[in-house]
Amino acid sequence: MRMQLVARDALIDRMDRKGFSNRRLAKYAECAPGTVDNLISGRTQAVNKPRTAELICEALDVPLDIFFVPEISRKAMHHPSRRRISAA
C-alpha cells in the first residue's frame, strides 16, 4: 500500500527544526536519497513502502498520520463493495 504525503510544508519545516538533511533522513528511512528529494520537491506525493513513511515520521518524532495517509487506489475506488446502493 502506498502512503501519500499530505503535509509537505510541515515535513520540510520539521526537517529544518530537527536538523535533518535529505540524505540523513533517507539514510534513517532506509530509502534512496532521491525518494526524500522527490517528496520535498513535490515531484512525487507518495512512497511505495509504508515502512518508509513510518521511519520518516519516527526520525522526525511525529505521528504517522501527521504527514502520511494510505493512498486509495483507483482500483479500490471502483471496487463493487465501495459502490452505494441507491434506494428505489
N, C-alpha and C. Protein backbone atom coordinates (compact mmCIF):
# COMPACT_ATOMS: atom_id res chain seq x y z
N MET A 1 0.84 -1.18 0.00
CA MET A 1 0.00 0.00 0.00
C MET A 1 0.89 1.24 0.00
N ARG A 2 0.61 2.13 -0.89
CA ARG A 2 1.36 3.40 -0.96
C ARG A 2 0.86 4.35 0.12
N MET A 3 1.77 5.19 0.60
CA MET A 3 1.42 6.18 1.62
C MET A 3 1.59 7.56 1.00
N GLN A 4 0.52 8.34 1.04
CA GLN A 4 0.51 9.67 0.43
C GLN A 4 0.95 10.73 1.43
N LEU A 5 1.87 11.57 1.01
CA LEU A 5 2.32 12.70 1.82
C LEU A 5 1.25 13.79 1.75
N VAL A 6 0.75 14.21 2.90
CA VAL A 6 -0.32 15.21 2.93
C VAL A 6 0.12 16.53 3.57
N ALA A 7 1.36 16.60 4.03
CA ALA A 7 1.83 17.81 4.70
C ALA A 7 3.29 18.09 4.33
N ARG A 8 3.51 18.37 3.05
CA ARG A 8 4.88 18.59 2.56
C ARG A 8 5.56 19.75 3.27
N ASP A 9 4.87 20.89 3.41
CA ASP A 9 5.48 22.05 4.06
C ASP A 9 5.83 21.76 5.52
N ALA A 10 4.97 21.02 6.20
CA ALA A 10 5.24 20.65 7.60
C ALA A 10 6.42 19.70 7.68
N LEU A 11 6.54 18.80 6.72
CA LEU A 11 7.68 17.89 6.67
C LEU A 11 8.98 18.67 6.51
N ILE A 12 9.00 19.61 5.58
CA ILE A 12 10.19 20.43 5.35
C ILE A 12 10.54 21.23 6.60
N ASP A 13 9.54 21.83 7.22
CA ASP A 13 9.76 22.61 8.44
C ASP A 13 10.32 21.74 9.56
N ARG A 14 9.75 20.56 9.72
CA ARG A 14 10.20 19.66 10.79
C ARG A 14 11.64 19.18 10.54
N MET A 15 11.95 18.90 9.28
CA MET A 15 13.32 18.52 8.95
C MET A 15 14.29 19.63 9.32
N ASP A 16 13.94 20.86 9.00
CA ASP A 16 14.80 22.01 9.34
C ASP A 16 14.98 22.12 10.85
N ARG A 17 13.87 22.04 11.58
CA ARG A 17 13.94 22.20 13.04
C ARG A 17 14.70 21.07 13.72
N LYS A 18 14.65 19.86 13.15
CA LYS A 18 15.35 18.72 13.74
C LYS A 18 16.76 18.54 13.17
N GLY A 19 17.13 19.38 12.20
CA GLY A 19 18.47 19.32 11.63
C GLY A 19 18.72 18.15 10.69
N PHE A 20 17.68 17.72 9.98
CA PHE A 20 17.81 16.61 9.04
C PHE A 20 18.00 17.13 7.62
N SER A 21 19.07 16.69 6.97
CA SER A 21 19.23 16.92 5.53
C SER A 21 18.41 15.84 4.82
N ASN A 22 18.23 16.01 3.53
CA ASN A 22 17.53 14.99 2.74
C ASN A 22 18.26 13.65 2.83
N ARG A 23 19.58 13.69 2.71
CA ARG A 23 20.39 12.46 2.76
C ARG A 23 20.30 11.78 4.12
N ARG A 24 20.39 12.56 5.18
CA ARG A 24 20.33 11.98 6.53
C ARG A 24 18.97 11.32 6.76
N LEU A 25 17.90 12.00 6.35
CA LEU A 25 16.57 11.43 6.52
C LEU A 25 16.42 10.15 5.69
N ALA A 26 16.94 10.17 4.47
CA ALA A 26 16.86 8.98 3.61
C ALA A 26 17.61 7.81 4.25
N LYS A 27 18.76 8.08 4.83
CA LYS A 27 19.52 7.01 5.48
C LYS A 27 18.72 6.43 6.65
N TYR A 28 18.12 7.29 7.46
CA TYR A 28 17.32 6.83 8.59
C TYR A 28 16.11 6.03 8.11
N ALA A 29 15.49 6.50 7.02
CA ALA A 29 14.27 5.87 6.50
C ALA A 29 14.57 4.66 5.61
N GLU A 30 15.85 4.34 5.45
CA GLU A 30 16.25 3.18 4.65
C GLU A 30 15.71 3.25 3.22
N CYS A 31 15.81 4.44 2.63
CA CYS A 31 15.36 4.62 1.25
C CYS A 31 16.43 5.39 0.48
N ALA A 32 16.25 5.47 -0.81
CA ALA A 32 17.18 6.21 -1.65
C ALA A 32 17.04 7.71 -1.37
N PRO A 33 18.16 8.44 -1.42
CA PRO A 33 18.07 9.89 -1.23
C PRO A 33 17.09 10.55 -2.20
N GLY A 34 16.97 10.01 -3.39
CA GLY A 34 16.04 10.56 -4.38
C GLY A 34 14.60 10.50 -3.93
N THR A 35 14.26 9.52 -3.11
CA THR A 35 12.90 9.41 -2.59
C THR A 35 12.56 10.63 -1.75
N VAL A 36 13.45 10.99 -0.84
CA VAL A 36 13.22 12.17 0.00
C VAL A 36 13.28 13.43 -0.85
N ASP A 37 14.24 13.51 -1.76
CA ASP A 37 14.34 14.67 -2.65
C ASP A 37 13.03 14.89 -3.41
N ASN A 38 12.47 13.80 -3.93
CA ASN A 38 11.23 13.91 -4.71
C ASN A 38 10.04 14.32 -3.84
N LEU A 39 9.97 13.83 -2.61
CA LEU A 39 8.89 14.25 -1.70
C LEU A 39 9.00 15.73 -1.38
N ILE A 40 10.22 16.18 -1.07
CA ILE A 40 10.45 17.57 -0.68
C ILE A 40 10.16 18.52 -1.84
N SER A 41 10.56 18.13 -3.04
CA SER A 41 10.37 19.00 -4.21
C SER A 41 8.94 18.98 -4.73
N GLY A 42 8.16 17.96 -4.35
CA GLY A 42 6.80 17.84 -4.86
C GLY A 42 6.72 17.03 -6.14
N ARG A 43 7.85 16.46 -6.61
CA ARG A 43 7.82 15.64 -7.83
C ARG A 43 7.01 14.37 -7.63
N THR A 44 6.96 13.91 -6.39
CA THR A 44 6.11 12.77 -6.06
C THR A 44 5.40 13.08 -4.76
N GLN A 45 4.22 12.51 -4.57
CA GLN A 45 3.44 12.77 -3.36
C GLN A 45 3.22 11.53 -2.52
N ALA A 46 3.91 10.41 -2.86
CA ALA A 46 3.68 9.18 -2.12
C ALA A 46 4.95 8.33 -2.09
N VAL A 47 5.01 7.45 -1.11
CA VAL A 47 6.07 6.45 -1.05
C VAL A 47 5.43 5.08 -1.21
N ASN A 48 6.17 4.16 -1.82
CA ASN A 48 5.63 2.84 -2.10
C ASN A 48 5.55 1.94 -0.88
N LYS A 49 6.47 2.13 0.06
CA LYS A 49 6.52 1.26 1.24
C LYS A 49 6.03 2.00 2.47
N PRO A 50 5.01 1.47 3.13
CA PRO A 50 4.55 2.10 4.37
C PRO A 50 5.67 2.24 5.41
N ARG A 51 6.59 1.29 5.42
CA ARG A 51 7.69 1.35 6.39
C ARG A 51 8.53 2.60 6.18
N THR A 52 8.71 3.05 4.95
CA THR A 52 9.46 4.27 4.67
C THR A 52 8.77 5.46 5.33
N ALA A 53 7.47 5.56 5.19
CA ALA A 53 6.71 6.65 5.81
C ALA A 53 6.83 6.57 7.33
N GLU A 54 6.74 5.37 7.87
CA GLU A 54 6.86 5.19 9.33
C GLU A 54 8.22 5.66 9.83
N LEU A 55 9.29 5.30 9.12
CA LEU A 55 10.63 5.67 9.54
C LEU A 55 10.88 7.16 9.41
N ILE A 56 10.33 7.79 8.38
CA ILE A 56 10.44 9.24 8.24
C ILE A 56 9.82 9.93 9.45
N CYS A 57 8.63 9.49 9.81
CA CYS A 57 7.94 10.09 10.95
C CYS A 57 8.65 9.79 12.27
N GLU A 58 9.19 8.58 12.40
CA GLU A 58 9.94 8.23 13.59
C GLU A 58 11.17 9.12 13.74
N ALA A 59 11.88 9.33 12.64
CA ALA A 59 13.08 10.17 12.67
C ALA A 59 12.75 11.59 13.11
N LEU A 60 11.60 12.08 12.67
CA LEU A 60 11.22 13.46 12.95
C LEU A 60 10.34 13.59 14.20
N ASP A 61 10.09 12.45 14.85
CA ASP A 61 9.35 12.42 16.11
C ASP A 61 7.94 13.00 15.99
N VAL A 62 7.22 12.51 14.97
CA VAL A 62 5.82 12.91 14.77
C VAL A 62 4.98 11.67 14.48
N PRO A 63 3.70 11.69 14.82
CA PRO A 63 2.82 10.56 14.48
C PRO A 63 2.70 10.42 12.95
N LEU A 64 2.57 9.20 12.50
CA LEU A 64 2.48 8.91 11.06
C LEU A 64 1.39 9.72 10.38
N ASP A 65 0.22 9.82 11.00
CA ASP A 65 -0.92 10.47 10.33
C ASP A 65 -0.79 11.99 10.22
N ILE A 66 0.26 12.56 10.76
CA ILE A 66 0.50 14.00 10.58
C ILE A 66 0.99 14.28 9.16
N PHE A 67 1.86 13.38 8.64
CA PHE A 67 2.45 13.59 7.32
C PHE A 67 1.90 12.68 6.23
N PHE A 68 1.45 11.49 6.59
CA PHE A 68 1.07 10.50 5.58
C PHE A 68 -0.30 9.87 5.86
N VAL A 69 -0.98 9.51 4.79
CA VAL A 69 -2.23 8.74 4.87
C VAL A 69 -2.15 7.65 3.81
N PRO A 70 -2.85 6.53 4.02
CA PRO A 70 -2.86 5.50 2.98
C PRO A 70 -3.47 6.05 1.69
N GLU A 71 -2.84 5.74 0.59
CA GLU A 71 -3.34 6.20 -0.71
C GLU A 71 -4.42 5.24 -1.18
N ILE A 72 -5.54 5.78 -1.60
CA ILE A 72 -6.63 4.96 -2.12
C ILE A 72 -6.41 4.80 -3.61
N SER A 73 -6.29 3.57 -4.04
CA SER A 73 -6.03 3.31 -5.45
C SER A 73 -7.31 3.50 -6.27
N ARG A 74 -7.12 3.74 -7.54
CA ARG A 74 -8.28 3.86 -8.43
C ARG A 74 -9.05 2.55 -8.48
N LYS A 75 -8.31 1.45 -8.41
CA LYS A 75 -8.96 0.14 -8.45
C LYS A 75 -9.88 -0.02 -7.24
N ALA A 76 -9.41 0.38 -6.06
CA ALA A 76 -10.22 0.27 -4.85
C ALA A 76 -11.45 1.18 -4.93
N MET A 77 -11.28 2.33 -5.57
CA MET A 77 -12.41 3.26 -5.68
C MET A 77 -13.53 2.70 -6.55
N HIS A 78 -13.17 1.82 -7.48
CA HIS A 78 -14.17 1.25 -8.38
C HIS A 78 -14.61 -0.15 -7.97
N HIS A 79 -14.13 -0.60 -6.84
CA HIS A 79 -14.48 -1.93 -6.35
C HIS A 79 -15.97 -1.95 -6.01
N PRO A 80 -16.67 -3.03 -6.34
CA PRO A 80 -18.12 -3.10 -6.10
C PRO A 80 -18.52 -2.85 -4.64
N SER A 81 -17.69 -3.22 -3.69
CA SER A 81 -18.07 -3.03 -2.29
C SER A 81 -18.06 -1.55 -1.89
N ARG A 82 -17.47 -0.71 -2.71
CA ARG A 82 -17.41 0.73 -2.41
C ARG A 82 -18.57 1.49 -3.05
N ARG A 83 -19.34 0.82 -3.88
CA ARG A 83 -20.45 1.49 -4.55
C ARG A 83 -21.63 1.64 -3.62
N ARG A 84 -22.30 2.74 -3.75
CA ARG A 84 -23.50 2.96 -2.95
C ARG A 84 -24.68 2.29 -3.64
N ILE A 85 -25.54 1.79 -2.84
CA ILE A 85 -26.77 1.18 -3.37
C ILE A 85 -27.85 2.25 -3.28
N SER A 86 -28.41 2.57 -4.42
CA SER A 86 -29.43 3.62 -4.41
C SER A 86 -30.79 3.03 -4.02
N ALA A 87 -31.51 3.81 -3.27
CA ALA A 87 -32.86 3.38 -2.86
C ALA A 87 -33.81 3.62 -4.02
N ALA A 88 -34.64 2.64 -4.30
CA ALA A 88 -35.57 2.77 -5.43
C ALA A 88 -36.86 3.41 -4.99
